[in-house]
Structure formats: structure tokens, C-alpha cells
Amino acid sequence: MSRSSFYEYQQASCRFEPTRAEELSPMIIDIFWKHRRRYGTRRIASELADRGIVVSRRTVAKALESQGLKAIQPKSFQPKTTDSRHRLGYSPNLLLEEIELTSINRLWVADITYVPLTHRKFAYLSMVMDRFSRRIIGWKLDVTMTEQLVVSSLKDAIMSRQPGKNLIHHSDRGGQYAGSRFRQMLKRSSIRQSMSRAGDCYDNAFMESCFGTIKTELEMTEYETVHEGEHELGEYFSYYNQERKHSSLGYQTPSQFESIHLGQR
């Protein structure tokens, strides 16, 4: 056989061999749908690495592209100011000090967002997150945006975490966070209160951005009832804490990240 014939035969044989992307395609697609289109190439590659399969993002991208699959993407953060026209007083912004987070229960961040219901109605979601691990530790959905809404989510967070001293609770300057019942609960738990500066929407931008991610990944439209919203949000928060990898945590889930730092309080 001539040299040119050999090379032609060799190239023809290679064309029938599956590529790396084709070999891993079933597994990549399975991960993609398991996370309901919320995982892009980085997170899929990270999950494959957890299974002992080292693969590049480019290979993952090729597998997704061959199937016409594309992950949903959060909208860019659009800051909004909070209506803080009340006379209940404000707490200083303790985050202006340099705070080094090395463990859980050092900084909790909280905020409220709206959740659409049918017939042009709304419910309101109050949420508390541990800033160190990004774990959602307390939440409440209700049709009214009263002080009780934030009291309920804070109560859940305190019961689930049982924090010690040196904990800061940060929120915007909304009147719900300035109410007497809410502040008394913080005081009883030895939690220091912190609020964003007036008119500075970036002081609590992390929570605003988080709400954007939640609404995008849930592809939130309208819920028929508050109960339906509670059910879907509860399932998502469990997924968010236990299964969703966070790039800011080195592509670990909040639960994995906390288990590594267990005992650091």
C-alpha cells in the first residue's frame, strides 16, 4: 500500500470514531435536563468532575450545541431603590467596615421581592441568606408586605441556625425592617442590625441579584395561589441549597461548602 493510500485509509477510519463530545453527550444532556436548563458549561463540567470525568468546557459546549441546547441566563442586575419614607429610624451600615467572612453565621442578608399571581395580583417573598455560604436559611411568602413577613423569615433563620454572638443582619431601609417587633427579635438573639445607606441601591445588591437568579431559573410567570407559589419555591430552595453549584463557592453547593467549614462559627 502506498503512503498516500495509507493516510487516506487512516483518515477515513477516524471519521467513524466518536468524538469526546459525542461519547459524553448522553451524560451531559442528562445533567442539563436534571438541572432544568439552569446549568451552563462550567457547572456541567464541574459535575462531571465530581463523577471522575475530566472534560473541558469546550467539549461540553459542543455536546450541547449538537443538540441545540442552551442554558437559561439571569438578566443583568438592574438596581432599584427602596421606599424608606418612614419615621421609625435607621440602623448604620455596618458593611462599610471591612468584614472578613471566614465562617457561617457572621453576616445574614435579607430582602423582599414581589411574586406575580394571576388576575394582576402579587405575593411578597421575604428571604434571609447566609452571605458566607449563600445558603437560604429563612423565607416567607405572603400576600401582604407587612412587618410580620420579615419577622417570620427571620424567625425561621434563627430556629434553623441557632446563631451565636457577632452576627450582623443586613437589609435595606424598608419600614418592615425598622419595626419594633423585628428589632426586638434581633436584640433578643444578640444580632446587630445593619441597613443600606439612603438611596444607595448597591449596598444590598447581592440580594437583588439573587432574586433575579431565582426568578430566571424558575422561569417565574404567575402562580394561581400562594400555596402553589410556596410549593414551587420550597422545592427550588431545597435544590438551591443542596444541588446547585455556585461559581462564587468554587462550584460547590452551599451544603458542600458549609460541610467543609463545619465547626467554624
Protein backbone atom coordinates (compact mmCIF):
# COMPACT_ATOMS: atom_id res chain seq x y z
CA MET A 1 0.00 0.00 0.00
CA SER A 2 1.35 3.40 -0.91
CA ARG A 3 1.89 6.04 1.76
CA SER A 4 -0.88 8.28 0.38
CA SER A 5 -3.33 5.35 0.34
CA PHE A 6 -2.47 4.52 3.97
CA TYR A 7 -3.10 8.08 5.15
CA GLU A 8 -6.36 8.20 3.23
CA TYR A 9 -7.44 4.93 4.87
CA GLN A 10 -6.41 6.19 8.31
CA GLN A 11 -8.36 9.44 7.94
CA ALA A 12 -11.45 7.58 6.75
CA SER A 13 -11.29 5.27 9.80
CA CYS A 14 -11.01 8.21 12.19
CA ARG A 15 -14.16 9.76 10.78
CA PHE A 16 -16.19 6.85 12.13
CA GLU A 17 -14.74 7.08 15.65
CA PRO A 18 -16.95 9.06 18.06
CA THR A 19 -15.54 12.31 19.37
CA ARG A 20 -15.18 13.05 23.08
CA ALA A 21 -18.27 15.27 22.93
CA GLU A 22 -20.27 12.52 21.24
CA GLU A 23 -19.17 9.94 23.83
CA LEU A 24 -20.17 12.14 26.75
CA SER A 25 -23.23 13.65 25.09
CA PRO A 26 -25.82 11.40 26.84
CA MET A 27 -24.36 12.20 30.27
CA ILE A 28 -24.03 15.91 29.51
CA ILE A 29 -27.62 16.12 28.28
CA ASP A 30 -28.82 14.20 31.35
CA ILE A 31 -27.13 16.74 33.65
CA PHE A 32 -28.52 19.61 31.57
CA TRP A 33 -32.12 18.46 31.96
CA LYS A 34 -31.66 17.30 35.54
CA HIS A 35 -30.97 20.92 36.45
CA ARG A 36 -33.79 22.17 34.19
CA ARG A 37 -31.55 24.16 31.84
CA ARG A 38 -30.01 26.09 34.76
CA TYR A 39 -26.50 24.68 34.23
CA GLY A 40 -24.11 26.06 31.62
CA THR A 41 -20.79 24.60 30.52
CA ARG A 42 -18.87 25.45 33.71
CA ARG A 43 -21.31 23.79 36.09
CA ILE A 44 -21.80 20.74 33.87
CA ALA A 45 -18.02 20.27 33.61
CA SER A 46 -17.79 20.61 37.39
CA GLU A 47 -20.48 17.97 37.96
CA LEU A 48 -18.73 15.61 35.53
CA ALA A 49 -15.52 16.15 37.52
CA ASP A 50 -17.42 15.10 40.66
CA ARG A 51 -18.13 11.84 38.82
CA GLY A 52 -14.45 11.38 37.99
CA ILE A 53 -14.72 12.59 34.39
CA VAL A 54 -12.39 15.44 33.50
CA VAL A 55 -13.65 17.35 30.48
CA SER A 56 -13.19 20.85 29.07
CA ARG A 57 -15.94 23.43 28.80
CA ARG A 58 -15.40 23.40 25.03
CA THR A 59 -16.30 19.72 24.85
CA VAL A 60 -19.45 20.32 26.91
CA ALA A 61 -20.34 23.24 24.66
CA LYS A 62 -20.00 21.07 21.55
CA ALA A 63 -22.29 18.41 23.03
CA LEU A 64 -24.94 20.99 23.92
CA GLU A 65 -24.64 22.76 20.59
CA SER A 66 -25.09 19.50 18.67
CA GLN A 67 -28.46 19.07 20.38
CA GLY A 68 -29.46 22.73 20.05
CA LEU A 69 -29.45 23.18 23.84
CA LYS A 70 -28.74 26.46 25.62
CA ALA A 71 -28.88 27.24 29.34
CA ILE A 72 -31.19 29.96 30.58
CA GLN A 73 -29.34 33.06 31.72
CA PRO A 74 -30.26 35.51 34.50
CA LYS A 75 -30.98 39.03 33.38
CA SER A 76 -28.39 41.61 34.27
CA PHE A 77 -28.92 43.22 37.65
CA GLN A 78 -30.97 46.40 37.50
CA PRO A 79 -30.75 48.22 40.83
CA LYS A 80 -33.90 49.59 42.39
CA THR A 81 -34.15 51.89 45.35
CA THR A 82 -36.30 51.08 48.38
CA ASP A 83 -39.14 53.22 49.60
CA SER A 84 -37.82 54.16 53.05
CA ARG A 85 -40.08 57.09 53.78
CA HIS A 86 -40.86 56.23 57.38
CA ARG A 87 -40.08 57.68 60.78
CA LEU A 88 -39.04 54.50 62.56
CA GLY A 89 -35.35 55.31 62.48
CA TYR A 90 -32.48 53.64 60.67
CA SER A 91 -29.53 51.50 61.65
CA PRO A 92 -25.99 52.29 60.44
CA ASN A 93 -24.46 50.40 57.54
CA LEU A 94 -22.04 48.05 59.29
CA LEU A 95 -20.82 46.67 55.96
CA LEU A 96 -18.88 49.87 55.36
CA GLU A 97 -16.42 48.44 57.86
CA GLU A 98 -14.05 45.83 56.47
CA ILE A 99 -15.59 42.46 57.40
CA GLU A 100 -13.71 39.24 56.73
CA LEU A 101 -16.12 36.33 56.39
CA THR A 102 -14.47 33.08 57.41
CA SER A 103 -17.46 31.13 58.75
CA ILE A 104 -21.22 30.88 58.74
CA ASN A 105 -23.48 32.99 60.96
CA ARG A 106 -21.36 36.11 60.68
CA LEU A 107 -23.40 38.00 58.11
CA TRP A 108 -27.02 37.42 57.08
CA VAL A 109 -28.51 39.44 54.25
CA ALA A 110 -32.24 39.92 53.74
CA ASP A 111 -34.64 41.49 51.29
CA ILE A 112 -38.19 41.39 49.90
CA THR A 113 -39.34 40.90 46.32
CA TYR A 114 -42.70 40.51 44.63
CA VAL A 115 -44.04 37.25 43.17
CA PRO A 116 -46.75 37.56 40.48
CA LEU A 117 -50.14 35.89 40.96
CA THR A 118 -52.98 35.59 38.46
CA HIS A 119 -55.55 38.34 37.97
CA ARG A 120 -52.88 41.05 38.31
CA LYS A 121 -52.27 40.28 41.97
CA PHE A 122 -48.98 39.89 43.84
CA ALA A 123 -47.49 38.00 46.74
CA TYR A 124 -44.31 39.05 48.53
CA LEU A 125 -41.27 36.92 49.27
CA SER A 126 -39.06 37.73 52.25
CA MET A 127 -35.76 35.86 52.32
CA VAL A 128 -32.72 35.57 54.58
CA MET A 129 -29.39 34.22 53.31
CA ASP A 130 -26.08 33.43 54.98
CA ARG A 131 -23.65 35.56 53.00
CA PHE A 132 -20.69 33.26 53.67
CA SER A 133 -22.18 30.10 52.17
CA ARG A 134 -25.03 31.59 50.07
CA ARG A 135 -27.41 29.21 51.84
CA ILE A 136 -31.04 30.31 52.05
CA ILE A 137 -31.85 29.92 55.73
CA GLY A 138 -35.26 31.55 56.10
CA TRP A 139 -38.11 32.64 53.84
CA LYS A 140 -41.78 33.54 53.87
CA LEU A 141 -44.34 34.16 51.11
CA ASP A 142 -47.49 36.17 51.85
CA VAL A 143 -49.99 38.45 50.13
CA THR A 144 -49.16 41.39 52.38
CA MET A 145 -45.82 43.16 52.76
CA THR A 146 -46.00 43.86 56.48
CA GLU A 147 -43.55 43.63 59.35
CA GLN A 148 -44.88 40.13 60.07
CA LEU A 149 -43.49 38.98 56.72
CA VAL A 150 -39.88 39.74 57.68
CA VAL A 151 -40.41 38.62 61.28
CA SER A 152 -41.47 35.17 60.01
CA SER A 153 -38.46 34.72 57.73
CA LEU A 154 -36.07 35.88 60.46
CA LYS A 155 -37.68 33.53 62.96
CA ASP A 156 -37.14 30.59 60.60
CA ALA A 157 -33.50 31.58 60.12
CA ILE A 158 -32.84 31.83 63.86
CA MET A 159 -34.53 28.50 64.59
CA SER A 160 -32.62 26.68 61.85
CA ARG A 161 -29.20 28.17 62.60
CA GLN A 162 -29.17 28.94 66.34
CA PRO A 163 -26.51 31.63 65.84
CA GLY A 164 -24.13 32.82 68.49
CA LYS A 165 -22.84 36.35 69.02
CA ASN A 166 -21.05 38.57 66.46
CA LEU A 167 -23.75 38.11 63.83
CA ILE A 168 -24.83 41.02 61.59
CA HIS A 169 -28.22 41.17 59.86
CA HIS A 170 -28.14 43.47 56.83
CA SER A 171 -31.12 44.73 54.82
CA ASP A 172 -32.32 47.83 53.02
CA ARG A 173 -34.03 50.70 54.84
CA GLY A 174 -37.58 49.44 54.32
CA GLY A 175 -40.05 50.09 57.11
CA GLN A 176 -40.61 46.36 57.73
CA TYR A 177 -37.01 46.04 58.95
CA ALA A 178 -37.36 49.12 61.17
CA GLY A 179 -40.42 47.85 63.06
CA SER A 180 -40.28 47.37 66.82
CA ARG A 181 -41.11 43.64 66.76
CA PHE A 182 -38.39 42.92 64.22
CA ARG A 183 -35.80 44.90 66.13
CA GLN A 184 -36.76 43.27 69.41
CA MET A 185 -36.24 39.84 67.85
CA LEU A 186 -32.78 40.87 66.70
CA LYS A 187 -31.96 42.21 70.15
CA ARG A 188 -33.14 39.04 71.94
CA SER A 189 -30.87 36.99 69.67
CA SER A 190 -27.88 39.35 70.13
CA ILE A 191 -27.85 40.15 66.41
CA ARG A 192 -26.56 43.53 65.29
CA GLN A 193 -28.68 45.31 62.71
CA SER A 194 -27.25 46.92 59.60
CA MET A 195 -29.07 48.88 56.88
CA SER A 196 -28.09 50.19 53.46
CA ARG A 197 -27.34 53.87 53.03
CA ALA A 198 -30.13 56.14 51.87
CA GLY A 199 -30.64 55.96 48.11
CA ASP A 200 -27.72 53.56 47.59
CA CYS A 201 -29.22 50.51 45.92
CA TYR A 202 -25.84 48.79 45.58
CA ASP A 203 -25.43 48.32 49.34
CA ASN A 204 -27.77 45.32 49.15
CA ALA A 205 -27.14 44.46 45.51
CA PHE A 206 -26.24 40.87 46.32
CA MET A 207 -29.79 40.04 47.35
CA GLU A 208 -31.27 41.91 44.40
CA SER A 209 -29.07 39.87 42.08
CA CYS A 210 -30.03 36.65 43.88
CA PHE A 211 -33.72 37.38 43.38
CA GLY A 212 -33.02 37.85 39.67
CA THR A 213 -31.37 34.43 39.52
CA ILE A 214 -34.26 32.76 41.34
CA LYS A 215 -36.91 34.26 39.07
CA THR A 216 -34.94 33.39 35.94
CA GLU A 217 -34.16 29.82 36.90
CA LEU A 218 -37.75 29.20 37.97
CA GLU A 219 -38.92 30.89 34.76
CA MET A 220 -41.41 32.53 37.06
CA THR A 221 -44.63 33.76 35.42
CA GLU A 222 -47.80 33.74 37.52
CA TYR A 223 -49.00 31.42 40.26
CA GLU A 224 -52.66 30.63 40.72
CA THR A 225 -52.42 30.70 44.52
CA VAL A 226 -49.91 31.50 47.27
CA HIS A 227 -49.91 27.80 48.16
CA GLU A 228 -48.74 26.92 44.64
CA GLY A 229 -46.00 29.52 44.91
CA GLU A 230 -44.89 28.22 48.30
CA HIS A 231 -44.67 24.67 46.95
CA GLU A 232 -42.53 25.59 43.94
CA LEU A 233 -40.31 27.97 45.91
CA GLY A 234 -39.79 25.36 48.63
CA GLU A 235 -38.65 22.80 46.07
CA TYR A 236 -36.35 25.33 44.42
CA PHE A 237 -34.74 26.47 47.68
CA SER A 238 -34.01 22.85 48.58
CA TYR A 239 -32.38 22.42 45.16
CA TYR A 240 -30.55 25.75 45.55
CA ASN A 241 -29.02 24.70 48.89
CA GLN A 242 -28.37 21.03 48.21
CA GLU A 243 -27.68 20.64 44.48
CA ARG A 244 -26.99 23.93 42.70
CA LYS A 245 -23.29 24.65 42.27
CA HIS A 246 -22.22 28.26 42.85
CA SER A 247 -19.31 29.73 40.94
CA SER A 248 -18.53 32.01 43.90
CA LEU A 249 -18.13 28.91 46.09
CA GLY A 250 -15.70 27.19 43.76
CA TYR A 251 -18.53 25.30 42.08
CA GLN A 252 -19.73 23.72 45.29
CA THR A 253 -23.26 23.71 46.65
CA PRO A 254 -23.98 25.74 49.82
CA SER A 255 -24.34 22.46 51.74
CA GLN A 256 -20.98 21.17 50.48
CA PHE A 257 -19.32 24.48 51.25
CA GLU A 258 -20.70 24.54 54.79
CA SER A 259 -19.68 20.94 55.47
CA ILE A 260 -16.07 21.85 54.65
CA HIS A 261 -16.22 24.76 57.11
CA LEU A 262 -18.15 22.84 59.74
CA GLY A 263 -17.36 24.00 63.24
CA GLN A 264 -16.13 27.43 62.16
CA ARG A 265 -18.62 29.68 63.93
